[in-house]
Amino acid sequence: LRRPTDRTCERCGRAEQWNATTDSWE
């Protein structure tokens, strides 16, 4: 199973990365 590690909102440009330590997007 692959999980995305980063993502960007196509509407407002917000960029987030996955933090494996906290199990959440930042």
PDB file of all heavy atoms in Angstrom:
ATOM      1  N   LEU A   1       0.842  -1.198   0.000  1.00  0.00           N
ATOM      2  CA  LEU A   1       0.000   0.000   0.000  1.00  0.00           C
ATOM      3  C   LEU A   1       0.873   1.241   0.000  1.00  0.00           C
ATOM      4  O   LEU A   1       1.738   1.410   0.854  1.00  0.00           O
ATOM      5  CB  LEU A   1      -0.910   0.006   1.229  1.00  0.00           C
ATOM      6  CG  LEU A   1      -1.797   1.228   1.398  1.00  0.00           C
ATOM      7  CD1 LEU A   1      -2.769   1.349   0.220  1.00  0.00           C
ATOM      8  CD2 LEU A   1      -2.569   1.145   2.703  1.00  0.00           C
ATOM      9  N   ARG A   2       0.659   2.105  -0.972  1.00  0.00           N
ATOM     10  CA  ARG A   2       1.359   3.387  -1.060  1.00  0.00           C
ATOM     11  C   ARG A   2       0.430   4.473  -0.550  1.00  0.00           C
ATOM     12  O   ARG A   2      -0.763   4.462  -0.833  1.00  0.00           O
ATOM     13  CB  ARG A   2       1.731   3.706  -2.504  1.00  0.00           C
ATOM     14  CG  ARG A   2       2.782   2.815  -3.080  1.00  0.00           C
ATOM     15  CD  ARG A   2       3.062   3.158  -4.542  1.00  0.00           C
ATOM     16  NE  ARG A   2       3.238   4.585  -4.724  1.00  0.00           N
ATOM     17  CZ  ARG A   2       2.615   5.310  -5.652  1.00  0.00           C
ATOM     18  NH1 ARG A   2       1.771   4.773  -6.467  1.00  0.00           N
ATOM     19  NH2 ARG A   2       2.844   6.597  -5.752  1.00  0.00           N
ATOM     20  N   ARG A   3       0.970   5.406   0.178  1.00  0.00           N
ATOM     21  CA  ARG A   3       0.199   6.561   0.644  1.00  0.00           C
ATOM     22  C   ARG A   3       0.843   7.833   0.114  1.00  0.00           C
ATOM     23  O   ARG A   3       2.073   7.908   0.048  1.00  0.00           O
ATOM     24  CB  ARG A   3       0.175   6.596   2.163  1.00  0.00           C
ATOM     25  CG  ARG A   3      -0.558   5.438   2.770  1.00  0.00           C
ATOM     26  CD  ARG A   3      -0.551   5.549   4.282  1.00  0.00           C
ATOM     27  NE  ARG A   3      -1.332   4.490   4.870  1.00  0.00           N
ATOM     28  CZ  ARG A   3      -0.805   3.393   5.406  1.00  0.00           C
ATOM     29  NH1 ARG A   3       0.494   3.235   5.430  1.00  0.00           N
ATOM     30  NH2 ARG A   3      -1.575   2.476   5.931  1.00  0.00           N
ATOM     31  N   PRO A   4       0.055   8.844  -0.238  1.00  0.00           N
ATOM     32  CA  PRO A   4       0.672  10.102  -0.668  1.00  0.00           C
ATOM     33  C   PRO A   4       1.394  10.747   0.507  1.00  0.00           C
ATOM     34  O   PRO A   4       0.983  10.612   1.659  1.00  0.00           O
ATOM     35  CB  PRO A   4      -0.516  10.953  -1.127  1.00  0.00           C
ATOM     36  CG  PRO A   4      -1.722  10.322  -0.522  1.00  0.00           C
ATOM     37  CD  PRO A   4      -1.405   8.897  -0.276  1.00  0.00           C
ATOM     38  N   THR A   5       2.504  11.432   0.228  1.00  0.00           N
ATOM     39  CA  THR A   5       3.259  12.102   1.280  1.00  0.00           C
ATOM     40  C   THR A   5       3.149  13.617   1.194  1.00  0.00           C
ATOM     41  O   THR A   5       3.533  14.318   2.124  1.00  0.00           O
ATOM     42  CB  THR A   5       4.744  11.712   1.224  1.00  0.00           C
ATOM     43  OG1 THR A   5       5.245  12.005  -0.081  1.00  0.00           O
ATOM     44  CG2 THR A   5       4.928  10.226   1.534  1.00  0.00           C
ATOM     45  N   ASP A   6       2.639  14.109   0.091  1.00  0.00           N
ATOM     46  CA  ASP A   6       2.405  15.547  -0.030  1.00  0.00           C
ATOM     47  C   ASP A   6       1.200  15.766  -0.930  1.00  0.00           C
ATOM     48  O   ASP A   6       0.852  14.917  -1.740  1.00  0.00           O
ATOM     49  CB  ASP A   6       3.639  16.274  -0.564  1.00  0.00           C
ATOM     50  CG  ASP A   6       4.101  15.758  -1.912  1.00  0.00           C
ATOM     51  OD1 ASP A   6       3.898  14.565  -2.184  1.00  0.00           O
ATOM     52  OD2 ASP A   6       4.649  16.540  -2.684  1.00  0.00           O
ATOM     53  N   ARG A   7       0.555  16.899  -0.728  1.00  0.00           N
ATOM     54  CA  ARG A   7      -0.628  17.234  -1.524  1.00  0.00           C
ATOM     55  C   ARG A   7      -0.760  18.749  -1.596  1.00  0.00           C
ATOM     56  O   ARG A   7      -0.301  19.474  -0.725  1.00  0.00           O
ATOM     57  CB  ARG A   7      -1.886  16.606  -0.942  1.00  0.00           C
ATOM     58  CG  ARG A   7      -2.246  17.099   0.451  1.00  0.00           C
ATOM     59  CD  ARG A   7      -3.393  16.315   1.021  1.00  0.00           C
ATOM     60  NE  ARG A   7      -3.815  16.848   2.332  1.00  0.00           N
ATOM     61  CZ  ARG A   7      -4.765  16.330   3.068  1.00  0.00           C
ATOM     62  NH1 ARG A   7      -5.425  15.263   2.634  1.00  0.00           N
ATOM     63  NH2 ARG A   7      -5.097  16.864   4.226  1.00  0.00           N
ATOM     64  N   THR A   8      -1.407  19.210  -2.671  1.00  0.00           N
ATOM     65  CA  THR A   8      -1.621  20.637  -2.888  1.00  0.00           C
ATOM     66  C   THR A   8      -3.064  20.851  -3.314  1.00  0.00           C
ATOM     67  O   THR A   8      -3.578  20.123  -4.168  1.00  0.00           O
ATOM     68  CB  THR A   8      -0.684  21.175  -3.984  1.00  0.00           C
ATOM     69  OG1 THR A   8       0.665  20.881  -3.610  1.00  0.00           O
ATOM     70  CG2 THR A   8      -0.839  22.674  -4.159  1.00  0.00           C
ATOM     71  N   CYS A   9      -3.718  21.843  -2.724  1.00  0.00           N
ATOM     72  CA  CYS A   9      -5.088  22.162  -3.095  1.00  0.00           C
ATOM     73  C   CYS A   9      -5.092  22.842  -4.461  1.00  0.00           C
ATOM     74  O   CYS A   9      -4.355  23.801  -4.689  1.00  0.00           O
ATOM     75  CB  CYS A   9      -5.727  23.074  -2.046  1.00  0.00           C
ATOM     76  SG  CYS A   9      -7.421  23.570  -2.472  1.00  0.00           S
ATOM     77  N   GLU A  10      -5.921  22.333  -5.368  1.00  0.00           N
ATOM     78  CA  GLU A  10      -6.005  22.899  -6.708  1.00  0.00           C
ATOM     79  C   GLU A  10      -6.781  24.211  -6.735  1.00  0.00           C
ATOM     80  O   GLU A  10      -6.730  24.939  -7.717  1.00  0.00           O
ATOM     81  CB  GLU A  10      -6.637  21.886  -7.655  1.00  0.00           C
ATOM     82  CG  GLU A  10      -5.766  20.655  -7.834  1.00  0.00           C
ATOM     83  CD  GLU A  10      -6.379  19.630  -8.757  1.00  0.00           C
ATOM     84  OE1 GLU A  10      -7.588  19.710  -9.043  1.00  0.00           O
ATOM     85  OE2 GLU A  10      -5.639  18.730  -9.183  1.00  0.00           O
ATOM     86  N   ARG A  11      -7.503  24.528  -5.679  1.00  0.00           N
ATOM     87  CA  ARG A  11      -8.297  25.764  -5.638  1.00  0.00           C
ATOM     88  C   ARG A  11      -7.536  26.935  -5.015  1.00  0.00           C
ATOM     89  O   ARG A  11      -7.525  28.021  -5.550  1.00  0.00           O
ATOM     90  CB  ARG A  11      -9.582  25.534  -4.862  1.00  0.00           C
ATOM     91  CG  ARG A  11     -10.519  24.561  -5.542  1.00  0.00           C
ATOM     92  CD  ARG A  11     -11.779  24.393  -4.748  1.00  0.00           C
ATOM     93  NE  ARG A  11     -12.656  23.424  -5.385  1.00  0.00           N
ATOM     94  CZ  ARG A  11     -13.911  23.266  -5.057  1.00  0.00           C
ATOM     95  NH1 ARG A  11     -14.459  23.972  -4.100  1.00  0.00           N
ATOM     96  NH2 ARG A  11     -14.641  22.371  -5.673  1.00  0.00           N
ATOM     97  N   CYS A  12      -6.925  26.704  -3.826  1.00  0.00           N
ATOM     98  CA  CYS A  12      -6.307  27.830  -3.111  1.00  0.00           C
ATOM     99  C   CYS A  12      -4.787  27.729  -2.993  1.00  0.00           C
ATOM    100  O   CYS A  12      -4.142  28.656  -2.516  1.00  0.00           O
ATOM    101  CB  CYS A  12      -6.915  27.983  -1.709  1.00  0.00           C
ATOM    102  SG  CYS A  12      -6.462  26.678  -0.538  1.00  0.00           S
ATOM    103  N   GLY A  13      -4.209  26.599  -3.412  1.00  0.00           N
ATOM    104  CA  GLY A  13      -2.761  26.456  -3.400  1.00  0.00           C
ATOM    105  C   GLY A  13      -2.153  25.986  -2.087  1.00  0.00           C
ATOM    106  O   GLY A  13      -0.943  25.892  -1.963  1.00  0.00           O
ATOM    107  N   ARG A  14      -2.978  25.665  -1.098  1.00  0.00           N
ATOM    108  CA  ARG A  14      -2.461  25.184   0.189  1.00  0.00           C
ATOM    109  C   ARG A  14      -1.659  23.903  -0.035  1.00  0.00           C
ATOM    110  O   ARG A  14      -2.123  22.965  -0.671  1.00  0.00           O
ATOM    111  CB  ARG A  14      -3.623  24.897   1.132  1.00  0.00           C
ATOM    112  CG  ARG A  14      -3.207  24.323   2.468  1.00  0.00           C
ATOM    113  CD  ARG A  14      -4.430  23.897   3.259  1.00  0.00           C
ATOM    114  NE  ARG A  14      -4.087  23.352   4.547  1.00  0.00           N
ATOM    115  CZ  ARG A  14      -4.446  23.891   5.709  1.00  0.00           C
ATOM    116  NH1 ARG A  14      -5.187  24.987   5.717  1.00  0.00           N
ATOM    117  NH2 ARG A  14      -4.090  23.330   6.835  1.00  0.00           N
ATOM    118  N   ALA A  15      -0.437  23.866   0.499  1.00  0.00           N
ATOM    119  CA  ALA A  15       0.422  22.687   0.379  1.00  0.00           C
ATOM    120  C   ALA A  15       0.571  22.039   1.747  1.00  0.00           C
ATOM    121  O   ALA A  15       0.752  22.726   2.747  1.00  0.00           O
ATOM    122  CB  ALA A  15       1.782  23.084  -0.169  1.00  0.00           C
ATOM    123  N   GLU A  16       0.474  20.704   1.768  1.00  0.00           N
ATOM    124  CA  GLU A  16       0.605  19.958   3.009  1.00  0.00           C
ATOM    125  C   GLU A  16       1.508  18.753   2.792  1.00  0.00           C
ATOM    126  O   GLU A  16       1.606  18.235   1.687  1.00  0.00           O
ATOM    127  CB  GLU A  16      -0.756  19.455   3.500  1.00  0.00           C
ATOM    128  CG  GLU A  16      -1.717  20.547   3.869  1.00  0.00           C
ATOM    129  CD  GLU A  16      -3.034  20.018   4.424  1.00  0.00           C
ATOM    130  OE1 GLU A  16      -3.327  18.813   4.267  1.00  0.00           O
ATOM    131  OE2 GLU A  16      -3.767  20.806   5.004  1.00  0.00           O
ATOM    132  N   GLN A  17       2.175  18.336   3.878  1.00  0.00           N
ATOM    133  CA  GLN A  17       2.989  17.124   3.874  1.00  0.00           C
ATOM    134  C   GLN A  17       2.545  16.240   5.016  1.00  0.00           C
ATOM    135  O   GLN A  17       2.128  16.718   6.068  1.00  0.00           O
ATOM    136  CB  GLN A  17       4.469  17.446   4.048  1.00  0.00           C
ATOM    137  CG  GLN A  17       5.115  18.038   2.830  1.00  0.00           C
ATOM    138  CD  GLN A  17       6.597  18.248   3.028  1.00  0.00           C
ATOM    139  OE1 GLN A  17       7.063  18.450   4.136  1.00  0.00           O
ATOM    140  NE2 GLN A  17       7.327  18.215   1.932  1.00  0.00           N
ATOM    141  N   TRP A  18       2.658  14.916   4.813  1.00  0.00           N
ATOM    142  CA  TRP A  18       2.280  13.957   5.836  1.00  0.00           C
ATOM    143  C   TRP A  18       3.394  13.855   6.874  1.00  0.00           C
ATOM    144  O   TRP A  18       4.560  13.714   6.543  1.00  0.00           O
ATOM    145  CB  TRP A  18       2.029  12.592   5.216  1.00  0.00           C
ATOM    146  CG  TRP A  18       1.612  11.570   6.218  1.00  0.00           C
ATOM    147  CD1 TRP A  18       2.353  10.548   6.705  1.00  0.00           C
ATOM    148  CD2 TRP A  18       0.338  11.490   6.876  1.00  0.00           C
ATOM    149  NE1 TRP A  18       1.627   9.825   7.619  1.00  0.00           N
ATOM    150  CE2 TRP A  18       0.386  10.384   7.743  1.00  0.00           C
ATOM    151  CE3 TRP A  18      -0.824  12.239   6.817  1.00  0.00           C
ATOM    152  CZ2 TRP A  18      -0.690  10.011   8.535  1.00  0.00           C
ATOM    153  CZ3 TRP A  18      -1.885  11.863   7.605  1.00  0.00           C
ATOM    154  CH2 TRP A  18      -1.825  10.773   8.447  1.00  0.00           C
ATOM    155  N   ASN A  19       3.032  13.954   8.148  1.00  0.00           N
ATOM    156  CA  ASN A  19       3.975  13.799   9.253  1.00  0.00           C
ATOM    157  C   ASN A  19       3.704  12.433   9.885  1.00  0.00           C
ATOM    158  O   ASN A  19       2.680  12.241  10.538  1.00  0.00           O
ATOM    159  CB  ASN A  19       3.803  14.918  10.273  1.00  0.00           C
ATOM    160  CG  ASN A  19       4.803  14.834  11.399  1.00  0.00           C
ATOM    161  OD1 ASN A  19       5.253  13.758  11.792  1.00  0.00           O
ATOM    162  ND2 ASN A  19       5.154  15.988  11.929  1.00  0.00           N
ATOM    163  N   ALA A  20       4.611  11.490   9.678  1.00  0.00           N
ATOM    164  CA  ALA A  20       4.424  10.133  10.183  1.00  0.00           C
ATOM    165  C   ALA A  20       4.513  10.067  11.704  1.00  0.00           C
ATOM    166  O   ALA A  20       3.934   9.182  12.329  1.00  0.00           O
ATOM    167  CB  ALA A  20       5.459   9.197   9.566  1.00  0.00           C
ATOM    168  N   THR A  21       5.207  11.006  12.313  1.00  0.00           N
ATOM    169  CA  THR A  21       5.336  11.017  13.768  1.00  0.00           C
ATOM    170  C   THR A  21       4.010  11.319  14.448  1.00  0.00           C
ATOM    171  O   THR A  21       3.626  10.675  15.423  1.00  0.00           O
ATOM    172  CB  THR A  21       6.387  12.050  14.214  1.00  0.00           C
ATOM    173  OG1 THR A  21       7.620  11.763  13.547  1.00  0.00           O
ATOM    174  CG2 THR A  21       6.599  12.022  15.709  1.00  0.00           C
ATOM    175  N   THR A  22       3.273  12.294  13.899  1.00  0.00           N
ATOM    176  CA  THR A  22       1.994  12.686  14.488  1.00  0.00           C
ATOM    177  C   THR A  22       0.797  12.066  13.768  1.00  0.00           C
ATOM    178  O   THR A  22      -0.341  12.277  14.172  1.00  0.00           O
ATOM    179  CB  THR A  22       1.831  14.217  14.469  1.00  0.00           C
ATOM    180  OG1 THR A  22       1.882  14.674  13.114  1.00  0.00           O
ATOM    181  CG2 THR A  22       2.914  14.894  15.288  1.00  0.00           C
ATOM    182  N   ASP A  23       1.060  11.331  12.682  1.00  0.00           N
ATOM    183  CA  ASP A  23      -0.003  10.736  11.861  1.00  0.00           C
ATOM    184  C   ASP A  23      -1.026  11.767  11.416  1.00  0.00           C
ATOM    185  O   ASP A  23      -2.240  11.576  11.553  1.00  0.00           O
ATOM    186  CB  ASP A  23      -0.715   9.599  12.599  1.00  0.00           C
ATOM    187  CG  ASP A  23       0.120   8.340  12.680  1.00  0.00           C
ATOM    188  OD1 ASP A  23       0.978   8.144  11.803  1.00  0.00           O
ATOM    189  OD2 ASP A  23      -0.094   7.549  13.608  1.00  0.00           O
ATOM    190  N   SER A  24      -0.534  12.884  10.869  1.00  0.00           N
ATOM    191  CA  SER A  24      -1.437  13.930  10.396  1.00  0.00           C
ATOM    192  C   SER A  24      -0.768  14.747   9.290  1.00  0.00           C
ATOM    193  O   SER A  24       0.444  14.726   9.118  1.00  0.00           O
ATOM    194  CB  SER A  24      -1.838  14.855  11.548  1.00  0.00           C
ATOM    195  OG  SER A  24      -0.700  15.522  12.051  1.00  0.00           O
ATOM    196  N   TRP A  25      -1.611  15.478   8.552  1.00  0.00           N
ATOM    197  CA  TRP A  25      -1.120  16.390   7.523  1.00  0.00           C
ATOM    198  C   TRP A  25      -0.720  17.701   8.181  1.00  0.00           C
ATOM    199  O   TRP A  25      -1.386  18.169   9.096  1.00  0.00           O
ATOM    200  CB  TRP A  25      -2.206  16.648   6.486  1.00  0.00           C
ATOM    201  CG  TRP A  25      -2.491  15.458   5.636  1.00  0.00           C
ATOM    202  CD1 TRP A  25      -3.511  14.564   5.820  1.00  0.00           C
ATOM    203  CD2 TRP A  25      -1.762  15.012   4.506  1.00  0.00           C
ATOM    204  NE1 TRP A  25      -3.453  13.592   4.862  1.00  0.00           N
ATOM    205  CE2 TRP A  25      -2.389  13.845   4.041  1.00  0.00           C
ATOM    206  CE3 TRP A  25      -0.650  15.472   3.838  1.00  0.00           C
ATOM    207  CZ2 TRP A  25      -1.933  13.150   2.921  1.00  0.00           C
ATOM    208  CZ3 TRP A  25      -0.197  14.781   2.733  1.00  0.00           C
ATOM    209  CH2 TRP A  25      -0.835  13.635   2.285  1.00  0.00           C
ATOM    210  N   GLU A  26       0.369  18.337   7.686  1.00  0.00           N
ATOM    211  CA  GLU A  26       0.831  19.624   8.203  1.00  0.00           C
ATOM    212  C   GLU A  26       1.027  20.589   7.047  1.00  0.00           C
ATOM    213  O   GLU A  26       1.499  20.207   5.982  1.00  0.00           O
ATOM    214  CB  GLU A  26       2.144  19.456   8.959  1.00  0.00           C
ATOM    215  CG  GLU A  26       2.003  18.636  10.220  1.00  0.00           C
ATOM    216  CD  GLU A  26       3.309  18.519  10.991  1.00  0.00           C
ATOM    217  OE1 GLU A  26       4.377  18.890  10.455  1.00  0.00           O
ATOM    218  OE2 GLU A  26       3.241  18.064  12.140  1.00  0.00           O
TER     219      GLU A  26
END
